[in-house]
Amino acid sequence: MSSAHLRRLLQRAAAVAGAVLLVAGCGLDSHSDGATAVAPDAVTADPALVHTATGTVRGTVNPDLRFFGGIPYAAPPLGPLRFRPPAPAPTWDGARDGAKPGARCIQDPKGDLEMGRNSSEDCLTLNVWTPPVQASGERRPVLVWLHGGGFINGSSSIYNSTRLTTRGDIVVVTVNYRLGALGFLAHPALGTGPDVGNYGLADQQAALRWVRDNIAAFGGDPGKVTIAGESAGGMSVCDHLVAPESAGLFRGAIIASGPCQAQGALAEATRSSLAYASAAGCGDPAVAADCLRGLPVDKLRKPVWYYGIGENMLSGPVSGTTLLPVDPMRAISTGGAARVPVMIGTTRDEFTLFVALQYLRAGKRFHADGYPHLLQSTFGADAAAVAERYPLNRYGGSAAVAYSTAVTDGAFACVADRIGDALVADAPVYGYEFADPAPPTPDPLRHLPFPVGASHSLDLRYIFNMGGAPPPAPEQVALSDQMIDYWSSFVRDGRPSADGAPEWPQLTGGDHDSRMSLRPDGSRLVTDYDQVHQCAFWASLQH
């Protein structure tokens, strides 16, 4: 598939990605209120108090968990600090209230189901979930979670980590970072040459440095940090695997549903950023920087788009810059990634969620007679080849299912396969596929003329406490327990394992590699992932 056609496909996903997690969120703990917190500390006598390098935080304490929310890891990026790399967080006197998460970063209005509530430029905060301090004083490994949302929506507050922390016996950190134009505008007046843009990526690096310097006070081991993320968060993990300034800040990585081939290039980003600034009234290059920093924030809520056909757009990190010199897919393929253990996986039906949201929100009806045009608009010159591989009669005549399957394979499953194959030469890699055919699903998505299945983001409720859907069946709760055990084991020692569950071998890079298929009727190893997702076919379109 050509890069232009792949971008069109990803643009369709990004157009709805901002609301995916909020729309799709549903919990495996039906009693969770989404705001619980929790556990003791390693320094002070009072388990609710923790001393950081910038001041004391007072959290909330439950018998088996403590929560510390809204902790600044960088200075508020306001006024002259807007469109600059994150500055050190200011100190404070007394005990800062850490009972709840901080404000969300400025969101794309079209994808923000909370309609701007609790959002602010002053958003560079993180949350820490930690178990009680161990009598031995031993520090626990740490998972740092980077949220998804297409780099235009989402926040750290969505991911209640109660079960992951208590069952997994690990420390979890969830992070806010700047989004949209405020996070990724690459206007040349804002920096010199490649020292521009990627403010949101720099925020993530600042959060990782904060973890390195402060997490011991929360009972975490700064030498045992794993970064993880889903969707845009998974793409961010790919970036950190190859970004020079991220080196040494983590020892393991989890990439969930990350289309890591979707990075912008500096030339395109510069053109789009110049047009964005001009539309905002800051078209004079001589004063553009001051003009952009002086705009009311409402003028900057609309994201900057680096690819676009109508409303199908994509924002996010920019390669060819100081922070991200080389496109991650190229760096990974040439041995330029950090040599750390990696877990990488997808859901079986990634793209059905995006098709469902197009159906529900835009009224798109995916009629069978429109299937050729749909493929043409997405795959261009490759449309006929895709139609031959994904004929309607193989999918019960449903254009929605056939199209979703093609995009799932081309943009998600086989991208993960390529990344895994490239990384195995230098470090252990473990592949998986979330394959629950009927996960708990929010109400709007349960009433469609086509199945959603194991779609994008629906696996996250098996890891985090999220609300908004019917309660899970007992076998799904058991799968959640197993997934948390696998994930937390990987965070502890770089190898996923779980009592009573199948042993999970490393990938080898071969055509019949063993991946873990995570299912409520019994997780199992599968060796036909490449064949099911037709990865040889998609690889042939790259040339």
Protein backbone atom coordinates (compact mmCIF):
# COMPACT_ATOMS: atom_id res chain seq x y z
CA MET A 1 0.00 0.00 0.00
CA SER A 2 1.40 3.40 -0.90
CA SER A 3 2.03 5.90 1.89
CA ALA A 4 -0.60 8.25 0.43
CA HIS A 5 -3.26 5.55 0.46
CA LEU A 6 -2.29 4.48 3.94
CA ARG A 7 -2.62 8.07 5.11
CA ARG A 8 -6.13 8.25 3.71
CA LEU A 9 -7.00 5.14 5.67
CA LEU A 10 -5.52 6.56 8.86
CA GLN A 11 -7.24 9.86 8.33
CA ARG A 12 -10.56 8.10 8.53
CA ALA A 13 -9.54 6.68 11.89
CA ALA A 14 -8.24 9.97 13.25
CA ALA A 15 -11.45 11.78 12.36
CA VAL A 16 -13.28 9.83 15.05
CA ALA A 17 -10.44 8.75 17.33
CA GLY A 18 -10.87 11.63 19.74
CA ALA A 19 -14.11 10.27 21.18
CA VAL A 20 -13.34 6.57 20.91
CA LEU A 21 -12.21 5.95 24.46
CA LEU A 22 -15.02 7.92 26.05
CA VAL A 23 -17.65 6.34 23.80
CA ALA A 24 -16.22 2.86 24.13
CA GLY A 25 -15.33 2.85 27.82
CA CYS A 26 -16.89 0.13 29.91
CA GLY A 27 -15.77 -1.46 33.13
CA LEU A 28 -15.02 -4.92 34.36
CA ASP A 29 -15.54 -3.72 37.90
CA SER A 30 -19.22 -2.84 38.02
CA HIS A 31 -18.80 -1.34 41.48
CA SER A 32 -16.05 1.12 40.49
CA ASP A 33 -17.03 4.77 40.41
CA GLY A 34 -14.08 5.68 38.20
CA ALA A 35 -12.48 7.92 40.84
CA THR A 36 -11.16 5.54 43.45
CA ALA A 37 -7.64 5.97 44.70
CA VAL A 38 -5.23 4.38 47.04
CA ALA A 39 -2.06 3.14 49.03
CA PRO A 40 0.82 4.00 51.32
CA ASP A 41 4.12 5.72 50.98
CA ALA A 42 7.79 5.07 51.29
CA VAL A 43 9.02 8.19 53.05
CA THR A 44 6.54 9.85 55.39
CA ALA A 45 4.83 8.37 58.42
CA ASP A 46 1.49 9.51 57.03
CA PRO A 47 0.63 7.28 54.03
CA ALA A 48 -1.41 10.10 52.48
CA LEU A 49 1.64 12.38 52.22
CA VAL A 50 4.49 12.03 49.74
CA HIS A 51 7.40 14.44 49.30
CA THR A 52 8.40 15.13 45.69
CA ALA A 53 11.23 17.28 44.40
CA THR A 54 8.86 20.25 44.03
CA GLY A 55 6.66 19.83 47.11
CA THR A 56 4.47 17.58 49.23
CA VAL A 57 1.35 15.92 47.83
CA ARG A 58 -1.58 14.75 49.96
CA GLY A 59 -3.37 11.84 48.31
CA THR A 60 -6.23 9.58 49.29
CA VAL A 61 -5.77 6.27 51.09
CA ASN A 62 -7.72 3.04 50.85
CA PRO A 63 -6.77 -0.19 52.65
CA ASP A 64 -4.97 -1.63 49.62
CA LEU A 65 -4.17 1.40 47.48
CA ARG A 66 -3.26 5.09 47.49
CA PHE A 67 -3.98 7.63 44.79
CA PHE A 68 -2.13 10.91 44.14
CA GLY A 69 -3.70 12.96 41.37
CA GLY A 70 -3.01 16.13 39.44
CA ILE A 71 0.71 16.28 40.27
CA PRO A 72 2.53 18.87 38.10
CA TYR A 73 5.50 17.41 36.26
CA ALA A 74 6.21 20.61 34.31
CA ALA A 75 5.32 24.28 34.47
CA PRO A 76 1.94 25.35 33.10
CA PRO A 77 2.61 26.05 29.38
CA LEU A 78 0.91 29.44 29.47
CA GLY A 79 1.74 32.81 27.92
CA PRO A 80 5.43 32.89 26.91
CA LEU A 81 5.69 29.13 27.66
CA ARG A 82 3.03 28.23 25.08
CA PHE A 83 4.57 26.44 22.08
CA ARG A 84 7.80 25.78 23.98
CA PRO A 85 9.31 22.60 25.41
CA PRO A 86 8.08 21.89 28.94
CA ALA A 87 9.79 23.95 31.64
CA PRO A 88 10.51 22.62 35.17
CA ALA A 89 7.53 22.53 37.48
CA PRO A 90 7.45 25.30 40.09
CA THR A 91 7.79 24.42 43.76
CA TRP A 92 4.97 24.90 46.27
CA ASP A 93 4.63 25.24 50.04
CA GLY A 94 2.47 23.08 52.24
CA ALA A 95 0.69 19.92 51.06
CA ARG A 96 -0.88 20.07 47.60
CA ASP A 97 -4.28 18.41 47.31
CA GLY A 98 -3.91 15.24 45.23
CA ALA A 99 -7.37 13.77 45.71
CA LYS A 100 -8.34 13.96 42.04
CA PRO A 101 -6.77 14.22 38.57
CA GLY A 102 -5.90 17.59 37.10
CA ALA A 103 -7.59 19.35 34.20
CA ARG A 104 -7.60 17.72 30.78
CA CYS A 105 -5.47 19.32 28.09
CA ILE A 106 -7.32 21.39 25.49
CA GLN A 107 -9.40 19.03 23.33
CA ASP A 108 -10.70 18.96 19.77
CA PRO A 109 -14.25 20.32 20.14
CA LYS A 110 -15.66 17.91 17.55
CA GLY A 111 -14.48 14.84 19.43
CA ASP A 112 -14.89 16.03 23.02
CA LEU A 113 -17.93 14.40 24.60
CA GLU A 114 -17.39 16.55 27.70
CA MET A 115 -17.73 19.69 25.55
CA GLY A 116 -14.66 21.40 26.93
CA ARG A 117 -15.46 20.90 30.61
CA ASN A 118 -12.48 20.50 32.96
CA SER A 119 -10.00 21.33 30.20
CA SER A 120 -7.22 23.89 30.38
CA GLU A 121 -3.81 24.79 29.02
CA ASP A 122 -2.60 24.28 32.61
CA CYS A 123 -2.77 20.50 32.24
CA LEU A 124 0.75 19.05 32.51
CA THR A 125 -0.01 16.75 35.41
CA LEU A 126 0.09 13.06 36.15
CA ASN A 127 -1.56 10.61 38.53
CA VAL A 128 0.11 7.92 40.63
CA TRP A 129 -1.62 4.72 41.75
CA THR A 130 0.45 2.74 44.24
CA PRO A 131 -0.04 -0.25 46.57
CA PRO A 132 0.81 -0.12 50.29
CA VAL A 133 4.47 0.17 51.15
CA GLN A 134 6.08 -3.21 51.62
CA ALA A 135 7.48 -3.97 55.05
CA SER A 136 10.73 -4.99 53.37
CA GLY A 137 11.06 -1.56 51.78
CA GLU A 138 11.34 -3.21 48.36
CA ARG A 139 10.21 -0.95 45.57
CA ARG A 140 7.72 -2.07 42.94
CA PRO A 141 8.07 -1.87 39.16
CA VAL A 142 6.30 0.98 37.39
CA LEU A 143 3.97 1.22 34.39
CA VAL A 144 3.69 4.67 32.75
CA TRP A 145 0.51 4.90 30.66
CA LEU A 146 0.24 7.26 27.66
CA HIS A 147 -3.39 7.76 26.67
CA GLY A 148 -4.89 7.48 23.20
CA GLY A 149 -7.31 9.80 21.44
CA GLY A 150 -5.66 10.60 18.11
CA PHE A 151 -3.39 13.27 19.68
CA ILE A 152 -6.46 15.52 19.74
CA ASN A 153 -8.52 14.14 22.64
CA GLY A 154 -8.20 11.99 25.76
CA SER A 155 -6.69 12.40 29.21
CA SER A 156 -5.05 10.60 32.10
CA SER A 157 -8.27 10.68 34.12
CA ILE A 158 -10.02 8.10 31.91
CA TYR A 159 -7.75 5.29 33.14
CA ASN A 160 -8.73 4.28 36.65
CA SER A 161 -5.90 1.91 37.52
CA THR A 162 -7.30 0.39 40.71
CA ARG A 163 -7.42 -3.24 39.57
CA LEU A 164 -4.19 -3.03 37.59
CA THR A 165 -2.38 -1.68 40.64
CA THR A 166 -3.89 -3.91 43.31
CA ARG A 167 -4.03 -7.20 41.41
CA GLY A 168 -0.82 -6.54 39.48
CA ASP A 169 1.04 -5.25 42.55
CA ILE A 170 2.72 -2.52 40.51
CA VAL A 171 2.83 1.28 40.55
CA VAL A 172 0.88 2.91 37.70
CA VAL A 173 1.38 6.47 36.41
CA THR A 174 -1.12 8.02 33.97
CA VAL A 175 -0.03 11.14 32.09
CA ASN A 176 -1.60 14.22 30.46
CA TYR A 177 0.25 15.78 27.54
CA ARG A 178 -0.52 18.67 25.17
CA LEU A 179 -2.78 17.81 22.24
CA GLY A 180 -3.71 19.18 18.84
CA ALA A 181 -2.18 22.50 17.76
CA LEU A 182 -0.97 23.30 21.27
CA GLY A 183 0.92 20.01 21.31
CA PHE A 184 2.18 19.64 17.76
CA LEU A 185 2.12 22.90 15.76
CA ALA A 186 5.31 22.96 13.69
CA HIS A 187 5.41 26.61 12.65
CA PRO A 188 9.00 27.66 11.79
CA ALA A 189 8.65 30.89 13.79
CA LEU A 190 8.34 28.79 16.95
CA GLY A 191 11.74 27.16 16.64
CA THR A 192 14.94 26.97 14.66
CA GLY A 193 15.02 24.39 11.88
CA PRO A 194 14.02 21.02 13.31
CA ASP A 195 13.75 22.40 16.86
CA VAL A 196 10.04 22.93 16.43
CA GLY A 197 6.76 21.20 17.28
CA ASN A 198 6.38 17.90 19.16
CA TYR A 199 5.60 19.72 22.39
CA GLY A 200 3.26 16.91 23.38
CA LEU A 201 6.01 14.35 22.82
CA ALA A 202 8.41 16.49 24.87
CA ASP A 203 5.77 16.58 27.62
CA GLN A 204 5.78 12.79 27.73
CA GLN A 205 9.57 12.81 28.06
CA ALA A 206 9.34 15.32 30.90
CA ALA A 207 6.85 13.04 32.64
CA LEU A 208 9.25 10.12 32.27
CA ARG A 209 12.03 12.20 33.80
CA TRP A 210 9.69 13.10 36.67
CA VAL A 211 9.08 9.39 37.22
CA ARG A 212 12.83 8.73 37.23
CA ASP A 213 13.40 11.44 39.83
CA ASN A 214 10.34 11.05 42.08
CA ILE A 215 8.69 7.65 41.83
CA ALA A 216 10.80 6.11 44.63
CA ALA A 217 8.93 8.29 47.12
CA PHE A 218 5.72 6.55 46.00
CA GLY A 219 7.19 3.08 46.44
CA GLY A 220 8.18 2.65 42.81
CA ASP A 221 11.51 1.50 41.38
CA PRO A 222 12.92 4.14 38.96
CA GLY A 223 15.12 1.46 37.42
CA LYS A 224 12.12 -0.70 36.46
CA VAL A 225 9.90 1.53 34.33
CA THR A 226 7.79 0.24 31.43
CA ILE A 227 6.09 2.67 29.04
CA ALA A 228 2.77 1.64 27.54
CA GLY A 229 0.00 3.15 25.46
CA GLU A 230 -2.90 2.38 23.14
CA SER A 231 -3.71 3.94 19.75
CA ALA A 232 -2.04 7.39 19.79
CA GLY A 233 -0.43 6.27 23.05
CA GLY A 234 0.93 3.20 21.25
CA MET A 235 2.29 5.44 18.49
CA SER A 236 3.94 7.51 21.21
CA VAL A 237 5.63 4.39 22.58
CA CYS A 238 7.05 3.73 19.09
CA ASP A 239 8.37 7.29 19.09
CA HIS A 240 10.08 6.86 22.45
CA LEU A 241 11.70 3.65 21.27
CA VAL A 242 13.65 5.69 18.71
CA ALA A 243 13.76 9.24 20.16
CA PRO A 244 17.28 10.08 21.38
CA GLU A 245 16.14 12.01 24.47
CA SER A 246 13.94 9.11 25.60
CA ALA A 247 16.90 6.72 25.84
CA GLY A 248 17.39 5.30 29.32
CA LEU A 249 14.05 6.48 30.70
CA PHE A 250 12.41 3.03 30.49
CA ARG A 251 13.40 -0.61 30.35
CA GLY A 252 10.34 -2.13 28.61
CA ALA A 253 7.53 -1.10 26.25
CA ILE A 254 3.95 -2.13 25.49
CA ILE A 255 2.47 -1.07 22.14
CA ALA A 256 -1.30 -1.61 21.95
CA SER A 257 -3.15 -0.93 18.68
CA GLY A 258 -0.53 1.58 17.59
CA PRO A 259 -0.48 2.52 13.88
CA CYS A 260 3.13 3.59 14.22
CA GLN A 261 3.48 4.33 10.50
CA ALA A 262 1.32 7.45 10.93
CA GLN A 263 3.95 10.01 11.86
CA GLY A 264 3.96 13.35 10.06
CA ALA A 265 7.01 14.57 8.15
CA LEU A 266 8.47 17.99 8.84
CA ALA A 267 7.90 19.45 5.36
CA GLU A 268 4.19 18.58 5.37
CA ALA A 269 3.78 19.66 8.97
CA THR A 270 5.42 23.01 8.24
CA ARG A 271 3.06 23.72 5.34
CA SER A 272 0.00 22.81 7.39
CA SER A 273 1.22 24.84 10.38
CA LEU A 274 1.77 27.95 8.26
CA ALA A 275 -1.75 27.63 6.88
CA TYR A 276 -3.13 27.06 10.38
CA ALA A 277 -1.43 30.17 11.74
CA SER A 278 -2.64 32.26 8.83
CA ALA A 279 -6.24 31.11 9.38
CA ALA A 280 -5.89 32.04 13.06
CA GLY A 281 -4.84 35.56 12.13
CA CYS A 282 -1.08 35.07 12.60
CA GLY A 283 0.06 34.95 8.99
CA ASP A 284 2.92 37.46 9.22
CA PRO A 285 6.08 35.37 9.78
CA ALA A 286 7.86 38.28 11.46
CA VAL A 287 5.42 38.34 14.36
CA ALA A 288 3.83 34.90 14.11
CA ALA A 289 5.41 33.51 17.28
CA ASP A 290 4.21 36.36 19.50
CA CYS A 291 0.86 36.36 17.76
CA LEU A 292 0.30 32.62 18.33
CA ARG A 293 1.38 32.83 21.95
CA GLY A 294 -0.95 35.76 22.52
CA LEU A 295 -4.11 34.25 21.01
CA PRO A 296 -7.03 33.38 23.29
CA VAL A 297 -6.98 29.63 23.81
CA ASP A 298 -10.38 29.25 22.14
CA LYS A 299 -8.67 30.23 18.88
CA LEU A 300 -6.41 27.18 19.23
CA ARG A 301 -8.89 24.45 20.17
CA LYS A 302 -9.20 23.26 16.59
CA PRO A 303 -6.30 20.84 15.90
CA VAL A 304 -3.65 21.30 13.27
CA TRP A 305 -3.97 18.62 10.61
CA TYR A 306 -0.99 17.19 8.78
CA TYR A 307 -2.93 15.12 6.24
CA GLY A 308 -6.40 15.84 5.05
CA ILE A 309 -9.27 14.91 2.78
CA GLY A 310 -12.33 16.79 3.98
CA GLU A 311 -12.76 16.07 7.66
CA ASN A 312 -10.68 12.90 7.61
CA MET A 313 -7.49 14.17 9.20
CA LEU A 314 -4.49 13.19 11.26
CA SER A 315 -2.43 15.21 13.76
CA GLY A 316 0.47 14.20 16.00
CA PRO A 317 4.26 13.90 16.25
CA VAL A 318 6.50 15.08 13.44
CA SER A 319 9.61 13.23 12.26
CA GLY A 320 12.69 14.91 10.83
CA THR A 321 12.89 17.00 14.00
CA THR A 322 15.37 17.18 16.85
CA LEU A 323 13.05 15.23 19.13
CA LEU A 324 12.20 12.62 16.48
CA PRO A 325 14.97 12.66 13.86
CA VAL A 326 13.90 9.50 12.01
CA ASP A 327 10.47 8.11 11.25
CA PRO A 328 9.89 5.32 13.81
CA MET A 329 9.03 2.64 11.25
CA ARG A 330 12.26 3.31 9.37
CA ALA A 331 14.32 3.47 12.55
CA ILE A 332 12.81 0.24 13.85
CA SER A 333 13.37 -1.54 10.53
CA THR A 334 17.05 -0.57 10.50
CA GLY A 335 17.87 -1.52 14.09
CA GLY A 336 17.58 1.98 15.50
CA ALA A 337 15.14 1.19 18.33
CA ALA A 338 15.94 0.87 22.02
CA ARG A 339 16.93 -2.68 22.88
CA VAL A 340 14.27 -3.39 25.49
CA PRO A 341 11.62 -6.13 25.84
CA VAL A 342 8.45 -5.26 23.93
CA MET A 343 4.86 -6.50 24.06
CA ILE A 344 2.95 -5.59 20.91
CA GLY A 345 -0.57 -6.43 19.87
CA THR A 346 -3.86 -5.46 18.30
CA THR A 347 -7.53 -6.26 18.62
CA ARG A 348 -8.96 -8.72 16.13
CA ASP A 349 -11.46 -6.24 14.66
CA GLU A 350 -9.69 -2.88 15.11
CA PHE A 351 -11.45 -0.78 12.50
CA THR A 352 -15.06 -1.81 13.11
CA LEU A 353 -15.28 0.84 15.83
CA PHE A 354 -14.36 3.64 13.42
CA VAL A 355 -16.85 2.35 10.85
CA ALA A 356 -19.49 2.16 13.57
CA LEU A 357 -18.84 5.76 14.61
CA GLN A 358 -19.05 6.92 11.00
CA TYR A 359 -22.40 5.13 10.79
CA LEU A 360 -23.71 6.64 14.03
CA ARG A 361 -22.28 10.14 13.85
CA ALA A 362 -22.09 10.91 10.14
CA GLY A 363 -24.96 8.76 8.89
CA LYS A 364 -22.71 6.80 6.55
CA ARG A 365 -24.47 3.65 5.38
CA PHE A 366 -21.79 1.40 3.74
CA HIS A 367 -24.08 -0.05 1.07
CA ALA A 368 -22.78 -2.99 -0.93
CA ASP A 369 -23.04 -1.11 -4.22
CA GLY A 370 -20.79 1.59 -2.78
CA TYR A 371 -18.03 -0.86 -1.79
CA PRO A 372 -15.87 -0.29 -4.91
CA HIS A 373 -15.95 3.48 -4.39
CA LEU A 374 -15.14 3.05 -0.70
CA LEU A 375 -12.08 0.97 -1.56
CA GLN A 376 -11.06 3.38 -4.30
CA SER A 377 -11.20 6.38 -1.94
CA THR A 378 -9.09 4.55 0.62
CA PHE A 379 -6.66 2.41 -1.36
CA GLY A 380 -6.47 4.24 -4.70
CA ALA A 381 -4.70 2.19 -7.37
CA ASP A 382 -4.63 -0.81 -5.02
CA ALA A 383 -8.44 -0.91 -4.68
CA ALA A 384 -8.96 -3.71 -7.18
CA ALA A 385 -6.36 -5.90 -5.51
CA VAL A 386 -7.94 -5.25 -2.11
CA ALA A 387 -11.41 -6.06 -3.48
CA GLU A 388 -10.12 -9.38 -4.80
CA ARG A 389 -8.64 -10.25 -1.39
CA TYR A 390 -11.67 -8.97 0.55
CA PRO A 391 -14.71 -9.85 -1.60
CA LEU A 392 -18.13 -8.99 -0.22
CA ASN A 393 -19.37 -12.58 -0.46
CA ARG A 394 -16.74 -13.62 2.07
CA TYR A 395 -18.31 -11.24 4.61
CA GLY A 396 -21.99 -12.02 4.14
CA GLY A 397 -22.37 -9.20 1.63
CA SER A 398 -21.60 -6.56 4.30
CA ALA A 399 -19.50 -3.70 2.97
CA ALA A 400 -19.00 -2.45 6.53
CA VAL A 401 -17.47 -5.75 7.66
CA ALA A 402 -15.39 -6.29 4.52
CA TYR A 403 -14.02 -2.75 4.62
CA SER A 404 -13.33 -2.91 8.35
CA THR A 405 -11.46 -6.17 7.93
CA ALA A 406 -9.29 -4.80 5.14
CA VAL A 407 -8.33 -1.69 7.09
CA THR A 408 -7.78 -3.68 10.30
CA ASP A 409 -5.33 -5.89 8.46
CA GLY A 410 -3.54 -3.20 6.46
CA ALA A 411 -3.26 -0.45 9.08
CA PHE A 412 -3.06 -2.31 12.36
CA ALA A 413 -2.47 -6.07 12.38
CA CYS A 414 0.20 -6.23 9.71
CA VAL A 415 1.91 -3.07 10.93
CA ALA A 416 2.28 -4.73 14.34
CA ASP A 417 3.59 -7.82 12.55
CA ARG A 418 6.23 -5.75 10.72
CA ILE A 419 7.33 -4.03 13.91
CA GLY A 420 7.57 -7.32 15.79
CA ASP A 421 9.57 -8.94 13.00
CA ALA A 422 12.00 -6.00 12.97
CA LEU A 423 12.53 -5.87 16.73
CA VAL A 424 13.18 -9.56 17.43
CA ALA A 425 16.80 -9.35 16.32
CA ASP A 426 17.74 -7.08 19.22
CA ALA A 427 15.39 -7.81 22.16
CA PRO A 428 12.61 -10.13 23.34
CA VAL A 429 9.26 -9.41 21.67
CA TYR A 430 5.88 -10.87 22.65
CA GLY A 431 2.92 -10.63 20.28
CA TYR A 432 -0.78 -10.86 21.09
CA GLU A 433 -4.26 -10.35 19.71
CA PHE A 434 -7.31 -9.46 21.81
CA ALA A 435 -10.02 -11.71 20.37
CA ASP A 436 -13.10 -11.58 22.62
CA PRO A 437 -15.85 -11.70 19.95
CA ALA A 438 -18.40 -9.96 22.19
CA PRO A 439 -16.69 -7.69 24.75
CA PRO A 440 -18.81 -5.36 26.92
CA THR A 441 -19.77 -2.60 24.50
CA PRO A 442 -21.44 0.79 25.03
CA ASP A 443 -25.08 1.10 24.10
CA PRO A 444 -24.81 3.04 20.82
CA LEU A 445 -22.49 0.39 19.39
CA ARG A 446 -24.73 -2.54 20.32
CA HIS A 447 -27.49 -1.61 17.90
CA LEU A 448 -25.89 -1.67 14.48
CA PRO A 449 -26.60 -3.70 11.32
CA PHE A 450 -23.08 -5.15 11.55
CA PRO A 451 -21.04 -6.57 14.45
CA VAL A 452 -18.41 -4.50 16.23
CA GLY A 453 -16.61 -7.52 17.73
CA ALA A 454 -13.17 -7.14 19.31
CA SER A 455 -12.72 -3.59 18.13
CA HIS A 456 -10.31 -0.74 18.77
CA SER A 457 -10.05 0.24 22.46
CA LEU A 458 -12.56 -2.37 23.68
CA ASP A 459 -9.69 -4.32 25.25
CA LEU A 460 -8.79 -1.46 27.61
CA ARG A 461 -11.65 -2.16 30.00
CA TYR A 462 -9.98 -5.51 30.73
CA ILE A 463 -6.97 -3.63 32.11
CA PHE A 464 -8.49 -0.45 33.58
CA ASN A 465 -11.63 0.31 35.61
CA MET A 466 -13.82 2.08 33.08
CA GLY A 467 -17.57 2.65 33.08
CA GLY A 468 -20.37 2.92 30.54
CA ALA A 469 -21.38 -0.57 29.38
CA PRO A 470 -23.12 -3.73 30.58
CA PRO A 471 -21.31 -5.77 33.23
CA PRO A 472 -18.97 -8.47 31.96
CA ALA A 473 -19.70 -12.18 32.08
CA PRO A 474 -17.74 -14.28 34.60
CA GLU A 475 -15.46 -15.64 31.88
CA GLN A 476 -14.68 -12.06 30.79
CA VAL A 477 -13.76 -11.12 34.35
CA ALA A 478 -11.45 -14.14 34.35
CA LEU A 479 -9.90 -12.95 31.09
CA SER A 480 -9.39 -9.51 32.63
CA ASP A 481 -7.59 -11.10 35.57
CA GLN A 482 -5.39 -13.06 33.19
CA MET A 483 -4.56 -10.00 31.09
CA ILE A 484 -3.64 -7.98 34.17
CA ASP A 485 -1.44 -10.87 35.32
CA TYR A 486 0.30 -11.02 31.93
CA TRP A 487 0.77 -7.24 31.77
CA SER A 488 2.03 -6.85 35.32
CA SER A 489 4.39 -9.80 34.93
CA PHE A 490 5.87 -8.12 31.87
CA VAL A 491 6.30 -4.90 33.88
CA ARG A 492 8.06 -6.84 36.65
CA ASP A 493 10.55 -8.87 34.65
CA GLY A 494 10.10 -8.24 30.92
CA ARG A 495 8.27 -11.51 30.29
CA PRO A 496 4.46 -12.02 30.31
CA SER A 497 3.37 -14.96 32.43
CA ALA A 498 0.31 -15.84 34.49
CA ASP A 499 -0.49 -18.70 36.85
CA GLY A 500 -2.68 -21.30 35.18
CA ALA A 501 -2.44 -19.56 31.81
CA PRO A 502 -0.63 -20.70 28.65
CA GLU A 503 3.08 -20.02 28.49
CA TRP A 504 3.78 -17.08 26.19
CA PRO A 505 6.84 -17.54 23.94
CA GLN A 506 8.85 -14.81 22.25
CA LEU A 507 8.33 -13.97 18.60
CA THR A 508 10.99 -15.29 16.26
CA GLY A 509 10.23 -13.29 13.12
CA GLY A 510 9.04 -16.34 11.20
CA ASP A 511 5.90 -16.77 9.10
CA HIS A 512 4.22 -18.98 11.70
CA ASP A 513 5.16 -17.15 14.87
CA SER A 514 3.26 -17.96 18.05
CA ARG A 515 1.09 -15.13 19.37
CA MET A 516 -1.20 -15.14 22.36
CA SER A 517 -4.87 -14.99 21.41
CA LEU A 518 -6.65 -13.50 24.43
CA ARG A 519 -10.14 -15.00 24.62
CA PRO A 520 -12.80 -15.51 27.31
CA ASP A 521 -13.25 -19.13 26.28
CA GLY A 522 -9.58 -19.79 26.97
CA SER A 523 -6.54 -17.89 25.78
CA ARG A 524 -4.34 -19.87 23.45
CA LEU A 525 -1.32 -19.62 21.18
CA VAL A 526 -2.06 -19.15 17.49
CA THR A 527 0.38 -19.52 14.61
CA ASP A 528 -1.78 -18.26 11.74
CA TYR A 529 -1.92 -14.54 12.59
CA ASP A 530 0.04 -13.59 9.45
CA GLN A 531 -2.20 -15.71 7.27
CA VAL A 532 -5.52 -14.63 8.80
CA HIS A 533 -4.61 -10.97 8.36
CA GLN A 534 -3.06 -11.53 4.90
CA CYS A 535 0.19 -9.81 5.85
CA ALA A 536 2.10 -11.09 2.81
CA PHE A 537 -0.46 -9.36 0.61
CA TRP A 538 -0.19 -6.07 2.50
CA ALA A 539 3.61 -6.28 2.40
CA SER A 540 3.44 -6.63 -1.39
CA LEU A 541 1.59 -3.30 -1.60
CA GLN A 542 4.44 -1.51 0.17
CA HIS A 543 6.64 -1.92 -2.90
